[in-house]
Amino acid sequence: MEFLIRSLTQYTPEALLFLCISVTALVFWVASAGRRTARLLARTRDLLKGTTGQDLEQMLVQHLEERAQMRSQIGALSDRVALLERQISISKRHVGMVRYDAFEEVGGNQSFAVALYDDEGNGILLNGIAGREDSRFYCKPLVNGRSDRRISQEEQRAIREAREPGPKTVISH
């Protein structure tokens, strides 16, 4: 211990200069660290505050609640879409119509054949035959795209026309 005291008394000005420089460097380092800490805290506060003043926890809770509502709505929409798909598959949405002259003496394509069926080919064929003195209407069932009754050429063309995608045109011959 005596050696340390003797060395310090011998080199007192140098030791004081070293201590002053060290203390000054530490003061600058602490000030710099304080500024960096203040900037970091300001960024953290900005991050944790939402634009509406909510903190991050409130925003996350609200987000999770909204996601749960969306999942519920998506589930309901999926169920609705499945129901609509089932309904559309059995709806009579395939329609084909052919106009024609049933008799030579009656012009103007007054007779017609209409095919109306669902995706599985279940539906009806309507045939209206216009004559000079009278008109007759016939209805034939369709099951899987076929009928247990004889089908005319015009009715076959109406079935084919109903199968075609896109807008329908009335076929005349």
Protein backbone atom coordinates (compact mmCIF):
# COMPACT_ATOMS: atom_id res chain seq x y z
CA MET A 1 0.00 0.00 0.00
CA GLU A 2 2.87 2.31 0.73
CA PHE A 3 4.17 1.75 -2.75
CA LEU A 4 0.86 2.90 -4.22
CA ILE A 5 0.77 6.01 -2.07
CA ARG A 6 4.37 6.86 -2.94
CA SER A 7 3.67 6.36 -6.67
CA LEU A 8 0.58 8.55 -6.55
CA THR A 9 2.37 11.33 -4.72
CA GLN A 10 5.25 11.15 -7.14
CA TYR A 11 2.97 11.23 -10.23
CA THR A 12 0.10 13.35 -8.89
CA PRO A 13 -0.16 15.83 -11.78
CA GLU A 14 -0.15 13.04 -14.39
CA ALA A 15 -2.70 11.03 -12.40
CA LEU A 16 -4.96 14.07 -12.05
CA LEU A 17 -4.67 14.80 -15.76
CA PHE A 18 -5.54 11.16 -16.55
CA LEU A 19 -8.52 11.25 -14.20
CA CYS A 20 -9.78 14.54 -15.68
CA ILE A 21 -9.55 13.20 -19.23
CA SER A 22 -11.25 9.96 -18.18
CA VAL A 23 -14.06 11.79 -16.39
CA THR A 24 -14.57 14.12 -19.40
CA ALA A 25 -14.70 11.12 -21.77
CA LEU A 26 -17.20 9.36 -19.50
CA VAL A 27 -19.39 12.48 -19.34
CA PHE A 28 -19.48 12.67 -23.18
CA TRP A 29 -20.19 8.93 -23.41
CA VAL A 30 -23.05 9.14 -20.86
CA ALA A 31 -24.52 12.18 -22.69
CA SER A 32 -24.34 10.35 -26.02
CA ALA A 33 -25.94 7.25 -24.52
CA GLY A 34 -28.67 9.44 -23.00
CA ARG A 35 -29.47 10.98 -26.42
CA ARG A 36 -29.60 7.56 -28.07
CA THR A 37 -31.84 6.26 -25.29
CA ALA A 38 -34.16 9.26 -25.64
CA ARG A 39 -34.43 8.71 -29.43
CA LEU A 40 -35.09 5.01 -28.89
CA LEU A 41 -37.79 5.76 -26.32
CA ALA A 42 -39.42 8.27 -28.69
CA ARG A 43 -39.47 5.68 -31.50
CA THR A 44 -40.87 3.06 -29.14
CA ARG A 45 -43.63 5.44 -28.00
CA ASP A 46 -44.47 6.18 -31.66
CA LEU A 47 -44.59 2.47 -32.39
CA LEU A 48 -46.75 1.67 -29.41
CA LYS A 49 -49.21 4.50 -30.06
CA GLY A 50 -51.66 4.09 -32.92
CA THR A 51 -52.96 6.93 -35.02
CA THR A 52 -56.08 6.98 -32.86
CA GLY A 53 -54.09 7.12 -29.64
CA GLN A 54 -54.53 3.44 -28.82
CA ASP A 55 -51.54 1.55 -27.59
CA LEU A 56 -50.23 -1.55 -29.31
CA GLU A 57 -52.02 -3.94 -26.98
CA GLN A 58 -55.43 -2.33 -27.64
CA MET A 59 -54.75 -2.38 -31.38
CA LEU A 60 -53.83 -6.09 -31.27
CA VAL A 61 -56.94 -6.95 -29.24
CA GLN A 62 -59.13 -5.01 -31.69
CA HIS A 63 -57.41 -6.68 -34.64
CA LEU A 64 -57.99 -10.15 -33.16
CA GLU A 65 -61.66 -9.35 -32.54
CA GLU A 66 -62.06 -8.15 -36.13
CA ARG A 67 -60.37 -11.33 -37.42
CA ALA A 68 -62.76 -13.47 -35.37
CA GLN A 69 -65.73 -11.56 -36.84
CA MET A 70 -64.32 -11.99 -40.35
CA ARG A 71 -63.83 -15.72 -39.81
CA SER A 72 -67.43 -15.98 -38.66
CA GLN A 73 -68.63 -14.01 -41.70
CA ILE A 74 -66.48 -16.09 -44.05
CA GLY A 75 -67.91 -19.27 -42.53
CA ALA A 76 -71.45 -17.96 -43.02
CA LEU A 77 -70.64 -16.93 -46.59
CA SER A 78 -69.12 -20.34 -47.32
CA ASP A 79 -72.27 -22.03 -46.05
CA ARG A 80 -74.39 -19.66 -48.19
CA VAL A 81 -72.28 -20.35 -51.29
CA ALA A 82 -72.61 -24.11 -50.74
CA LEU A 83 -76.40 -23.75 -50.42
CA LEU A 84 -76.57 -21.61 -53.58
CA GLU A 85 -74.42 -24.10 -55.50
CA ARG A 86 -76.78 -26.92 -54.50
CA GLN A 87 -79.79 -24.82 -55.49
CA ILE A 88 -78.33 -23.74 -58.81
CA SER A 89 -77.47 -27.31 -59.77
CA ILE A 90 -81.17 -28.29 -59.53
CA SER A 91 -82.52 -25.05 -60.99
CA LYS A 92 -83.93 -25.25 -64.49
CA ARG A 93 -81.41 -22.89 -66.01
CA HIS A 94 -80.56 -24.53 -69.31
CA VAL A 95 -82.95 -23.18 -71.92
CA GLY A 96 -82.99 -23.78 -75.63
CA MET A 97 -85.65 -22.72 -78.12
CA VAL A 98 -86.17 -23.57 -81.78
CA ARG A 99 -88.81 -21.89 -83.94
CA TYR A 100 -89.99 -23.68 -87.06
CA ASP A 101 -92.81 -24.12 -89.55
CA ALA A 102 -94.72 -27.27 -88.64
CA PHE A 103 -96.89 -27.07 -91.78
CA GLU A 104 -96.09 -25.70 -95.20
CA GLU A 105 -99.30 -23.67 -95.39
CA VAL A 106 -98.52 -21.83 -92.12
CA GLY A 107 -95.43 -19.60 -92.40
CA GLY A 108 -93.65 -17.27 -90.01
CA ASN A 109 -92.06 -19.93 -87.82
CA GLN A 110 -95.05 -19.94 -85.47
CA SER A 111 -94.34 -23.40 -84.05
CA PHE A 112 -91.67 -23.85 -81.41
CA ALA A 113 -89.82 -26.36 -79.26
CA VAL A 114 -88.40 -25.34 -75.88
CA ALA A 115 -86.06 -27.42 -73.71
CA LEU A 116 -85.79 -26.42 -70.07
CA TYR A 117 -83.65 -28.49 -67.67
CA ASP A 118 -81.11 -28.48 -64.80
CA ASP A 119 -77.43 -29.47 -64.73
CA GLU A 120 -78.33 -33.18 -64.59
CA GLY A 121 -80.64 -32.97 -67.61
CA ASN A 122 -83.87 -33.19 -65.61
CA GLY A 123 -86.66 -30.93 -66.87
CA ILE A 124 -89.22 -30.64 -69.65
CA LEU A 125 -89.66 -30.24 -73.37
CA LEU A 126 -92.45 -27.98 -74.54
CA ASN A 127 -93.60 -28.16 -78.11
CA GLY A 128 -96.15 -25.77 -79.55
CA ILE A 129 -97.44 -26.62 -83.02
CA ALA A 130 -99.31 -23.84 -84.77
CA GLY A 131 -101.68 -24.79 -87.58
CA ARG A 132 -104.05 -22.71 -89.65
CA GLU A 133 -107.14 -23.78 -87.69
CA ASP A 134 -105.73 -24.69 -84.29
CA SER A 135 -102.64 -24.90 -82.10
CA ARG A 136 -101.49 -27.79 -79.99
CA PHE A 137 -99.08 -27.91 -77.09
CA TYR A 138 -97.18 -30.93 -75.88
CA CYS A 139 -95.07 -31.36 -72.76
CA LYS A 140 -92.58 -34.20 -72.40
CA PRO A 141 -90.48 -35.02 -69.33
CA LEU A 142 -86.68 -35.04 -69.48
CA VAL A 143 -84.69 -37.28 -67.16
CA ASN A 144 -80.91 -37.23 -67.53
CA GLY A 145 -81.32 -35.47 -70.87
CA ARG A 146 -83.61 -38.14 -72.31
CA SER A 147 -87.34 -38.59 -72.61
CA ASP A 148 -89.38 -41.79 -72.51
CA ARG A 149 -91.40 -40.32 -75.41
CA ARG A 150 -90.40 -39.88 -79.02
CA ILE A 151 -88.47 -36.63 -79.55
CA SER A 152 -88.73 -34.66 -82.78
CA GLN A 153 -85.77 -33.13 -84.62
CA GLU A 154 -86.78 -29.67 -83.41
CA GLU A 155 -86.92 -30.85 -79.80
CA GLN A 156 -83.49 -32.48 -80.17
CA ARG A 157 -82.13 -29.19 -81.54
CA ALA A 158 -83.70 -27.32 -78.58
CA ILE A 159 -81.93 -29.74 -76.18
CA ARG A 160 -78.60 -29.14 -77.96
CA GLU A 161 -79.19 -25.36 -77.95
CA ALA A 162 -79.83 -25.44 -74.18
CA ARG A 163 -76.46 -27.17 -73.64
CA GLU A 164 -74.56 -24.41 -75.45
CA PRO A 165 -72.95 -21.84 -73.14
CA GLY A 166 -73.51 -18.11 -73.45
CA PRO A 167 -76.46 -16.11 -74.72
CA LYS A 168 -79.14 -18.04 -76.54
CA THR A 169 -80.44 -17.31 -79.98
CA VAL A 170 -83.71 -18.58 -81.36
CA ILE A 171 -83.01 -21.05 -84.13
CA SER A 172 -85.34 -21.14 -87.09
CA HIS A 173 -85.31 -23.47 -90.02
